[in-house]
Amino acid sequence: MSTTSSSQDDALPTSEQLSAANAAYVLDNQGNQVDFSSIQDQAKAKQLPLVLIFTRHFHCGMCKEYVRAVAASNILTDPSRVLTVIVGPGEASGLTAYRNSVNNPPFTFYADPQLRLYHALGVTRRNLSTGDPSKEKIGSHHTGSYTQNLFSSIGEILKSGTQALKGGDFKQLGGEFVWNQEAGIIVHYLGDAATTTEAQSLQTELAQLGAEAVLVPGDISDAAVGQSIADAAEKEFGRLDVFVSNAGICPFMGFLEMEAATWRKVQDVNLNGAFFATQAAARLMSRQSPRGGSIIAIASISALVGGEFQSHYTPTKAGLKSMMESAAIGLGPLGIRCNSVLPGTIETAINEEDLRDEAKRERMVNRHPLRRLGRPDDIAGPVLFLASDLAKFMTGSSVLVDGGCFVNLQ
């Protein structure tokens, strides 16, 4: 490894930085400490140049693409010509999965969870992000949220959240969203012709925003489908940071006319399916490194009030709210936050036919102090808020998003 005393090229370490690095160590995939000096000695013994590549973290999509590109180099992949080492600030337990995710290049991989080598060699945001003149040391991803990494302002959070959440059912509310730290998204959908077309359209829309979306079809009432969502997140992105349980149906029907099959179907989709998918997501969050995440259930104002033609629907939404409250207690020690959003009347496919009655629509609008019904993008902001570190001390909470309808009883 070459050294330089010039401040014009911070890609090469100074003598002082190299001296500090010799006192640092990294971890191999067994968690064993490996002194940086021994890595240098290995290169010197073979008379090879040493190339160090530092990643933002082991689930950084951009970094993975870079490592894959480096792996296409005839020189950097030739162990007789160079010793190439990849270092990431994750835990040692994530090394094998990371190596697999970048197609097993012939490099040596180490973990630096405490950023000892990063700091010793002066690895800065300028090294890791194009054009940032700041010399601030990078922060460990243990304390950084996916929102902080992905968005630079609240405005961007709301903008990007709106675009993503609009996919819902899709272009409506519904389905399940799994957000990964570097804008990797797993989108669940039913899998029939209509939802397949909508899911593919959403995938294209997200790609235009720079987000990789992976589609997972299936009936959410099947516990295996919920597991497949979490499995896809782990396989494609290595972890799961945010899970939004968003599937729901409500075929309007009176209490006396309610059929057993309709009752069971609504319970299976809205509550049972939500439980199994949420459980699968929580299990992944509990074992990943660093562990933790944010789970958000889309419940409803119907969790708080009744509905003449919703006797099958309102219990499921009350159940979702209660489930998040119980999950918050059980999962809090694992760093997993669980909250629910309670939308009021949002214009989606679920109530499209019902709102075609103009007289009823007018009555509904007039019940809202804001004098309008909700739109899917009205839910995006609260969801992104709960997903982010802006809500880092919130768990077991319910956020009512109803345009003031609930309080307008006079």
Protein backbone atom coordinates (compact mmCIF):
# COMPACT_ATOMS: atom_id res chain seq x y z
CA MET A 1 0.00 0.00 0.00
CA SER A 2 1.38 3.36 -0.99
CA THR A 3 1.36 6.34 1.34
CA THR A 4 1.29 10.05 0.75
CA SER A 5 1.72 13.17 2.82
CA SER A 6 -0.18 15.28 0.34
CA SER A 7 -3.63 16.52 1.23
CA GLN A 8 -4.63 16.65 -2.43
CA ASP A 9 -5.36 12.95 -2.73
CA ASP A 10 -7.18 11.53 0.26
CA ALA A 11 -7.65 8.16 -1.49
CA LEU A 12 -4.15 7.27 -0.25
CA PRO A 13 -3.37 7.19 3.47
CA THR A 14 -0.79 9.46 5.04
CA SER A 15 2.06 8.02 7.07
CA GLU A 16 0.26 9.10 10.23
CA GLN A 17 -2.95 7.38 9.14
CA LEU A 18 -1.09 4.21 8.24
CA SER A 19 0.56 4.19 11.64
CA ALA A 20 -2.86 4.50 13.30
CA ALA A 21 -4.22 1.74 11.09
CA ASN A 22 -1.48 -0.63 12.20
CA ALA A 23 -3.00 -0.47 15.69
CA ALA A 24 -6.48 -1.28 14.36
CA TYR A 25 -8.09 -4.61 13.62
CA VAL A 26 -11.01 -6.01 11.65
CA LEU A 27 -13.07 -9.22 12.00
CA ASP A 28 -13.24 -12.24 9.73
CA ASN A 29 -16.44 -14.21 9.15
CA GLN A 30 -15.82 -16.23 12.30
CA GLY A 31 -15.57 -13.09 14.40
CA ASN A 32 -11.80 -13.47 14.86
CA GLN A 33 -9.73 -10.31 15.17
CA VAL A 34 -7.35 -9.73 12.28
CA ASP A 35 -4.74 -7.01 12.77
CA PHE A 36 -4.49 -4.63 9.85
CA SER A 37 -0.72 -4.92 10.08
CA SER A 38 -1.02 -8.66 9.35
CA ILE A 39 -3.01 -7.90 6.20
CA GLN A 40 -0.22 -5.59 5.08
CA ASP A 41 2.36 -8.23 5.93
CA GLN A 42 0.48 -10.77 3.82
CA ALA A 43 0.60 -8.45 0.83
CA LYS A 44 4.27 -7.65 1.38
CA ALA A 45 5.20 -11.33 1.71
CA LYS A 46 3.62 -12.00 -1.69
CA GLN A 47 5.02 -8.77 -3.09
CA LEU A 48 1.54 -7.66 -4.05
CA PRO A 49 -0.13 -4.25 -3.96
CA LEU A 50 -2.91 -4.02 -1.38
CA VAL A 51 -6.24 -2.54 -2.49
CA LEU A 52 -8.75 -1.65 0.24
CA ILE A 53 -12.38 -1.04 -0.68
CA PHE A 54 -14.60 0.40 2.06
CA THR A 55 -18.39 0.02 1.83
CA ARG A 56 -21.06 2.13 3.50
CA HIS A 57 -22.56 -1.01 5.02
CA PHE A 58 -23.29 -4.59 4.05
CA HIS A 59 -26.77 -3.84 2.74
CA CYS A 60 -25.88 -0.79 0.64
CA GLY A 61 -27.24 -1.48 -2.84
CA MET A 62 -24.93 1.05 -4.46
CA CYS A 63 -21.89 -0.52 -2.79
CA LYS A 64 -22.94 -3.99 -3.90
CA GLU A 65 -23.13 -2.79 -7.51
CA TYR A 66 -19.67 -1.27 -7.14
CA VAL A 67 -18.18 -4.49 -5.74
CA ARG A 68 -19.79 -6.48 -8.55
CA ALA A 69 -18.27 -4.05 -11.05
CA VAL A 70 -14.85 -4.37 -9.41
CA ALA A 71 -15.23 -8.15 -9.65
CA ALA A 72 -15.30 -7.76 -13.44
CA SER A 73 -11.71 -6.47 -13.41
CA ASN A 74 -9.16 -8.94 -14.71
CA ILE A 75 -6.50 -7.31 -12.57
CA LEU A 76 -8.30 -6.90 -9.23
CA THR A 77 -9.57 -10.48 -9.34
CA ASP A 78 -6.13 -11.97 -10.08
CA PRO A 79 -4.62 -13.06 -6.73
CA SER A 80 -1.20 -13.33 -8.38
CA ARG A 81 -1.23 -9.62 -9.18
CA VAL A 82 -3.06 -7.89 -6.33
CA LEU A 83 -4.59 -8.48 -2.88
CA THR A 84 -8.07 -6.98 -2.89
CA VAL A 85 -9.81 -6.53 0.47
CA ILE A 86 -13.42 -5.44 1.06
CA VAL A 87 -14.20 -3.86 4.45
CA GLY A 88 -17.69 -3.01 5.72
CA PRO A 89 -18.97 -1.50 8.98
CA GLY A 90 -21.40 -4.32 9.68
CA GLU A 91 -21.08 -7.30 11.97
CA ALA A 92 -18.92 -10.32 11.19
CA SER A 93 -22.01 -12.51 11.05
CA GLY A 94 -23.10 -10.64 7.92
CA LEU A 95 -19.95 -11.28 5.91
CA THR A 96 -20.96 -14.57 4.31
CA ALA A 97 -24.36 -13.29 3.22
CA TYR A 98 -22.77 -10.14 1.84
CA ARG A 99 -20.17 -12.08 -0.10
CA ASN A 100 -22.90 -14.28 -1.57
CA SER A 101 -24.95 -11.22 -2.50
CA VAL A 102 -22.08 -9.88 -4.63
CA ASN A 103 -21.57 -13.21 -6.41
CA ASN A 104 -18.60 -14.55 -4.40
CA PRO A 105 -15.73 -12.60 -5.96
CA PRO A 106 -12.17 -13.77 -5.12
CA PHE A 107 -11.65 -11.00 -2.57
CA THR A 108 -11.00 -11.09 1.15
CA PHE A 109 -13.90 -9.71 3.21
CA TYR A 110 -13.66 -8.20 6.69
CA ALA A 111 -16.08 -6.49 9.07
CA ASP A 112 -15.28 -3.32 11.00
CA PRO A 113 -18.36 -2.78 13.23
CA GLN A 114 -16.63 -0.22 15.44
CA LEU A 115 -15.16 1.64 12.44
CA ARG A 116 -11.63 1.41 13.83
CA LEU A 117 -9.96 1.04 10.46
CA TYR A 118 -12.32 3.54 8.83
CA HIS A 119 -11.37 6.21 11.33
CA ALA A 120 -7.68 5.32 11.40
CA LEU A 121 -7.37 5.71 7.64
CA GLY A 122 -9.55 8.79 7.55
CA VAL A 123 -12.30 7.27 5.44
CA THR A 124 -14.78 10.12 5.02
CA ARG A 125 -18.08 10.83 3.35
CA ARG A 126 -16.06 12.28 0.50
CA ASN A 127 -14.54 8.87 -0.12
CA LEU A 128 -17.92 7.16 0.01
CA SER A 129 -20.17 9.69 -1.70
CA THR A 130 -19.39 11.52 -4.91
CA GLY A 131 -18.67 15.19 -4.47
CA ASP A 132 -19.32 15.75 -0.76
CA PRO A 133 -16.52 18.05 0.49
CA SER A 134 -17.18 17.22 4.14
CA LYS A 135 -14.34 15.49 5.99
CA GLU A 136 -16.67 14.19 8.70
CA LYS A 137 -16.07 10.58 9.63
CA ILE A 138 -18.89 8.27 8.57
CA GLY A 139 -21.28 7.14 11.27
CA SER A 140 -21.94 3.52 12.00
CA HIS A 141 -25.12 2.26 10.37
CA HIS A 142 -26.13 0.93 13.76
CA THR A 143 -27.34 4.44 14.61
CA GLY A 144 -28.36 5.66 11.16
CA SER A 145 -31.88 5.15 9.87
CA TYR A 146 -32.77 4.17 6.34
CA THR A 147 -34.49 7.54 5.99
CA GLN A 148 -31.35 9.44 6.94
CA ASN A 149 -29.35 7.51 4.39
CA LEU A 150 -31.92 7.80 1.65
CA PHE A 151 -33.41 11.26 2.06
CA SER A 152 -31.83 14.58 2.98
CA SER A 153 -34.96 16.44 4.06
CA ILE A 154 -38.51 15.94 5.28
CA GLY A 155 -39.71 17.19 1.92
CA GLU A 156 -37.87 14.37 0.18
CA ILE A 157 -39.23 11.86 2.69
CA LEU A 158 -42.79 12.86 1.96
CA LYS A 159 -42.22 13.05 -1.76
CA SER A 160 -40.61 9.65 -2.05
CA GLY A 161 -42.99 8.08 0.48
CA THR A 162 -45.98 9.33 -1.44
CA GLN A 163 -44.70 7.90 -4.68
CA ALA A 164 -44.05 4.51 -3.13
CA LEU A 165 -47.15 4.19 -1.01
CA LYS A 166 -49.40 5.12 -3.90
CA GLY A 167 -48.72 1.64 -5.15
CA GLY A 168 -50.88 0.06 -2.48
CA ASP A 169 -53.58 -2.06 -3.97
CA PHE A 170 -51.98 -0.73 -6.35
CA LYS A 171 -52.61 2.97 -6.98
CA GLN A 172 -54.80 2.36 -3.93
CA LEU A 173 -54.20 1.16 -0.38
CA GLY A 174 -53.53 -2.54 0.04
CA GLY A 175 -50.80 -5.09 -0.38
CA GLU A 176 -47.66 -5.29 1.71
CA PHE A 177 -44.59 -3.09 1.41
CA VAL A 178 -41.17 -4.00 2.71
CA TRP A 179 -38.65 -1.16 2.68
CA ASN A 180 -34.97 -1.88 2.73
CA GLN A 181 -32.34 0.59 3.86
CA GLU A 182 -31.06 1.46 0.39
CA ALA A 183 -34.42 1.89 -1.33
CA GLY A 184 -34.84 -1.81 -1.94
CA ILE A 185 -38.54 -2.61 -1.76
CA ILE A 186 -40.44 -5.88 -1.68
CA VAL A 187 -43.97 -5.40 -3.02
CA HIS A 188 -46.56 -8.06 -2.30
CA TYR A 189 -49.69 -8.33 -4.44
CA LEU A 190 -52.49 -10.86 -4.91
CA GLY A 191 -51.27 -12.22 -8.23
CA ASP A 192 -54.38 -12.07 -10.41
CA ALA A 193 -54.31 -10.31 -13.78
CA ALA A 194 -55.37 -6.92 -12.46
CA THR A 195 -52.97 -6.73 -9.51
CA THR A 196 -50.12 -8.15 -11.60
CA THR A 197 -50.48 -5.33 -14.11
CA GLU A 198 -50.64 -2.76 -11.30
CA ALA A 199 -47.66 -4.24 -9.47
CA GLN A 200 -45.55 -4.21 -12.63
CA SER A 201 -46.55 -0.60 -13.24
CA LEU A 202 -45.49 0.27 -9.70
CA GLN A 203 -42.19 -1.55 -10.19
CA THR A 204 -41.48 0.60 -13.26
CA GLU A 205 -42.44 3.77 -11.39
CA LEU A 206 -40.12 2.92 -8.51
CA ALA A 207 -37.27 2.13 -10.89
CA GLN A 208 -37.61 5.63 -12.31
CA LEU A 209 -37.14 6.92 -8.77
CA GLY A 210 -33.99 4.82 -8.40
CA ALA A 211 -35.53 2.17 -6.15
CA GLU A 212 -35.21 -1.54 -6.85
CA ALA A 213 -38.55 -3.29 -6.38
CA VAL A 214 -38.98 -7.05 -6.13
CA LEU A 215 -42.49 -8.43 -6.65
CA VAL A 216 -43.92 -11.26 -4.53
CA PRO A 217 -47.39 -12.56 -5.49
CA GLY A 218 -49.77 -14.66 -3.40
CA ASP A 219 -52.85 -14.76 -1.19
CA ILE A 220 -51.80 -13.03 2.03
CA SER A 221 -54.19 -15.19 4.05
CA ASP A 222 -51.75 -18.04 3.43
CA ALA A 223 -49.08 -17.96 6.16
CA ALA A 224 -46.52 -19.25 3.65
CA VAL A 225 -46.99 -16.12 1.54
CA GLY A 226 -46.22 -13.90 4.51
CA GLN A 227 -43.04 -15.87 5.05
CA SER A 228 -42.12 -15.53 1.37
CA ILE A 229 -42.20 -11.73 1.70
CA ALA A 230 -39.64 -11.77 4.50
CA ASP A 231 -37.59 -14.41 2.67
CA ALA A 232 -37.45 -12.21 -0.42
CA ALA A 233 -36.21 -9.25 1.62
CA GLU A 234 -33.46 -11.35 3.17
CA LYS A 235 -32.44 -12.94 -0.13
CA GLU A 236 -32.47 -9.79 -2.24
CA PHE A 237 -31.29 -7.16 0.24
CA GLY A 238 -29.81 -9.00 3.19
CA ARG A 239 -32.11 -7.48 5.80
CA LEU A 240 -35.45 -5.80 6.50
CA ASP A 241 -35.74 -2.34 8.04
CA VAL A 242 -39.38 -1.37 7.59
CA PHE A 243 -42.48 -3.51 7.10
CA VAL A 244 -45.89 -2.05 6.28
CA SER A 245 -48.84 -4.41 6.64
CA ASN A 246 -51.32 -2.91 4.23
CA ALA A 247 -53.64 -5.59 2.80
CA GLY A 248 -57.35 -5.39 3.45
CA ILE A 249 -60.76 -6.14 1.97
CA CYS A 250 -64.26 -4.98 2.88
CA PRO A 251 -67.17 -6.39 0.88
CA PHE A 252 -69.96 -4.29 2.40
CA MET A 253 -72.72 -6.45 3.92
CA GLY A 254 -75.38 -6.01 6.60
CA PHE A 255 -75.13 -7.78 9.95
CA LEU A 256 -78.16 -10.04 9.37
CA GLU A 257 -77.11 -10.86 5.81
CA MET A 258 -73.51 -11.69 6.69
CA GLU A 259 -72.46 -15.05 5.22
CA ALA A 260 -70.05 -17.31 7.07
CA ALA A 261 -67.72 -17.49 4.07
CA THR A 262 -67.54 -13.69 3.82
CA TRP A 263 -66.87 -13.34 7.54
CA ARG A 264 -64.04 -15.87 7.44
CA LYS A 265 -62.48 -14.43 4.29
CA VAL A 266 -62.27 -10.93 5.76
CA GLN A 267 -60.75 -12.29 8.98
CA ASP A 268 -58.24 -14.37 7.02
CA VAL A 269 -57.02 -11.49 4.85
CA ASN A 270 -57.26 -8.53 7.20
CA LEU A 271 -56.17 -10.06 10.49
CA ASN A 272 -54.75 -13.56 10.10
CA GLY A 273 -52.72 -12.73 7.02
CA ALA A 274 -51.46 -9.55 8.66
CA PHE A 275 -50.38 -11.51 11.72
CA PHE A 276 -48.43 -14.16 9.81
CA ALA A 277 -46.70 -11.63 7.54
CA THR A 278 -45.87 -9.36 10.47
CA GLN A 279 -44.54 -12.31 12.47
CA ALA A 280 -42.28 -13.36 9.60
CA ALA A 281 -40.99 -9.79 9.25
CA ALA A 282 -40.36 -9.50 13.00
CA ARG A 283 -38.47 -12.80 13.09
CA LEU A 284 -36.13 -11.54 10.38
CA MET A 285 -35.66 -8.19 12.12
CA SER A 286 -34.87 -9.97 15.39
CA ARG A 287 -32.02 -12.05 13.97
CA GLN A 288 -30.41 -9.64 11.51
CA SER A 289 -27.38 -7.59 12.41
CA PRO A 290 -27.85 -4.89 13.49
CA ARG A 291 -31.22 -6.14 14.64
CA GLY A 292 -34.37 -4.08 14.86
CA GLY A 293 -36.75 -2.28 12.54
CA SER A 294 -40.11 -0.57 12.24
CA ILE A 295 -43.43 -2.35 11.68
CA ILE A 296 -46.47 -0.33 10.68
CA ALA A 297 -49.97 -1.77 10.40
CA ILE A 298 -52.55 0.08 8.33
CA ALA A 299 -55.61 -0.28 10.54
CA SER A 300 -58.56 2.12 10.20
CA ILE A 301 -60.77 4.59 11.98
CA SER A 302 -63.03 1.54 12.02
CA ALA A 303 -60.84 0.25 14.86
CA LEU A 304 -62.51 2.94 16.99
CA VAL A 305 -66.07 3.11 15.64
CA GLY A 306 -68.67 0.79 14.16
CA GLY A 307 -70.09 0.62 10.65
CA GLU A 308 -73.54 -0.53 9.59
CA PHE A 309 -72.20 -2.67 6.77
CA GLN A 310 -68.79 -3.42 8.32
CA SER A 311 -69.46 -5.80 11.20
CA HIS A 312 -66.91 -8.19 9.68
CA TYR A 313 -64.37 -5.45 8.89
CA THR A 314 -64.27 -3.32 12.06
CA PRO A 315 -63.21 -6.21 14.34
CA THR A 316 -60.21 -6.92 12.09
CA LYS A 317 -59.05 -3.31 12.24
CA ALA A 318 -59.50 -3.18 16.01
CA GLY A 319 -57.55 -6.43 16.10
CA LEU A 320 -54.70 -4.93 14.06
CA LYS A 321 -54.45 -1.96 16.41
CA SER A 322 -54.44 -4.27 19.43
CA MET A 323 -51.93 -6.60 17.78
CA MET A 324 -49.48 -3.72 17.26
CA GLU A 325 -49.86 -2.69 20.90
CA SER A 326 -49.07 -6.21 22.10
CA ALA A 327 -46.26 -6.66 19.58
CA ALA A 328 -44.72 -3.37 20.73
CA ILE A 329 -44.33 -4.83 24.22
CA GLY A 330 -42.92 -8.16 23.07
CA LEU A 331 -40.62 -6.82 20.36
CA GLY A 332 -39.45 -3.57 21.95
CA PRO A 333 -36.46 -5.19 23.71
CA LEU A 334 -35.31 -6.40 20.27
CA GLY A 335 -35.26 -2.88 18.88
CA ILE A 336 -38.42 -3.40 16.83
CA ARG A 337 -40.99 -0.58 16.93
CA CYS A 338 -44.63 -1.44 16.22
CA ASN A 339 -47.23 1.21 15.44
CA SER A 340 -50.47 1.54 13.52
CA VAL A 341 -51.98 4.14 11.23
CA LEU A 342 -55.76 4.60 11.33
CA PRO A 343 -56.96 6.14 8.06
CA GLY A 344 -60.39 7.68 7.89
CA THR A 345 -62.38 7.64 4.65
CA ILE A 346 -59.76 7.34 1.93
CA GLU A 347 -60.91 7.13 -1.68
CA THR A 348 -59.66 3.73 -2.85
CA ALA A 349 -60.96 0.69 -4.68
CA ILE A 350 -62.36 -0.63 -1.41
CA ASN A 351 -65.07 2.09 -1.26
CA GLU A 352 -65.24 3.21 -4.89
CA GLU A 353 -68.65 1.69 -5.53
CA ASP A 354 -70.08 2.91 -2.22
CA LEU A 355 -69.04 6.51 -2.91
CA ARG A 356 -70.72 6.57 -6.29
CA ASP A 357 -73.86 7.52 -4.37
CA GLU A 358 -73.49 11.30 -4.69
CA ALA A 359 -75.78 12.06 -1.74
CA LYS A 360 -73.78 9.76 0.53
CA ARG A 361 -70.53 11.17 -0.77
CA GLU A 362 -71.65 14.71 0.05
CA ARG A 363 -72.66 13.67 3.57
CA MET A 364 -69.27 12.05 4.09
CA VAL A 365 -67.41 15.13 2.85
CA ASN A 366 -69.42 17.40 5.14
CA ARG A 367 -68.54 15.27 8.18
CA HIS A 368 -64.89 16.25 7.67
CA PRO A 369 -63.77 19.64 9.01
CA LEU A 370 -61.33 19.76 6.07
CA ARG A 371 -64.31 19.31 3.74
CA ARG A 372 -62.82 16.60 1.61
CA LEU A 373 -62.20 12.86 1.67
CA GLY A 374 -58.74 11.43 2.06
CA ARG A 375 -56.42 10.32 -0.71
CA PRO A 376 -53.80 7.55 -0.59
CA ASP A 377 -50.98 10.08 -0.46
CA ASP A 378 -52.47 11.50 2.75
CA ILE A 379 -51.38 8.25 4.43
CA ALA A 380 -47.85 8.27 3.00
CA GLY A 381 -46.51 11.03 5.28
CA PRO A 382 -47.59 9.42 8.58
CA VAL A 383 -46.25 6.05 7.43
CA LEU A 384 -42.87 7.50 6.46
CA PHE A 385 -42.78 9.36 9.78
CA LEU A 386 -43.33 6.16 11.74
CA ALA A 387 -40.80 4.33 9.59
CA SER A 388 -38.09 6.91 10.21
CA ASP A 389 -36.00 7.91 13.20
CA LEU A 390 -38.23 10.94 13.57
CA ALA A 391 -40.45 8.47 15.44
CA LYS A 392 -37.62 6.59 17.15
CA PHE A 393 -39.29 6.84 20.60
CA MET A 394 -42.73 5.80 19.35
CA THR A 395 -43.97 2.25 19.69
CA GLY A 396 -47.40 0.88 20.51
CA SER A 397 -48.89 4.11 19.17
CA SER A 398 -51.83 4.68 16.84
CA VAL A 399 -51.95 7.65 14.49
CA LEU A 400 -55.45 8.70 13.40
CA VAL A 401 -55.44 10.23 9.91
CA ASP A 402 -59.05 11.11 9.21
CA GLY A 403 -59.33 14.78 8.32
CA GLY A 404 -60.88 15.48 11.73
CA CYS A 405 -63.91 13.27 11.15
CA PHE A 406 -63.68 11.40 14.46
CA VAL A 407 -63.80 14.52 16.61
CA ASN A 408 -66.66 16.12 14.67
CA LEU A 409 -69.55 14.81 16.78
CA GLN A 410 -71.50 18.05 17.35
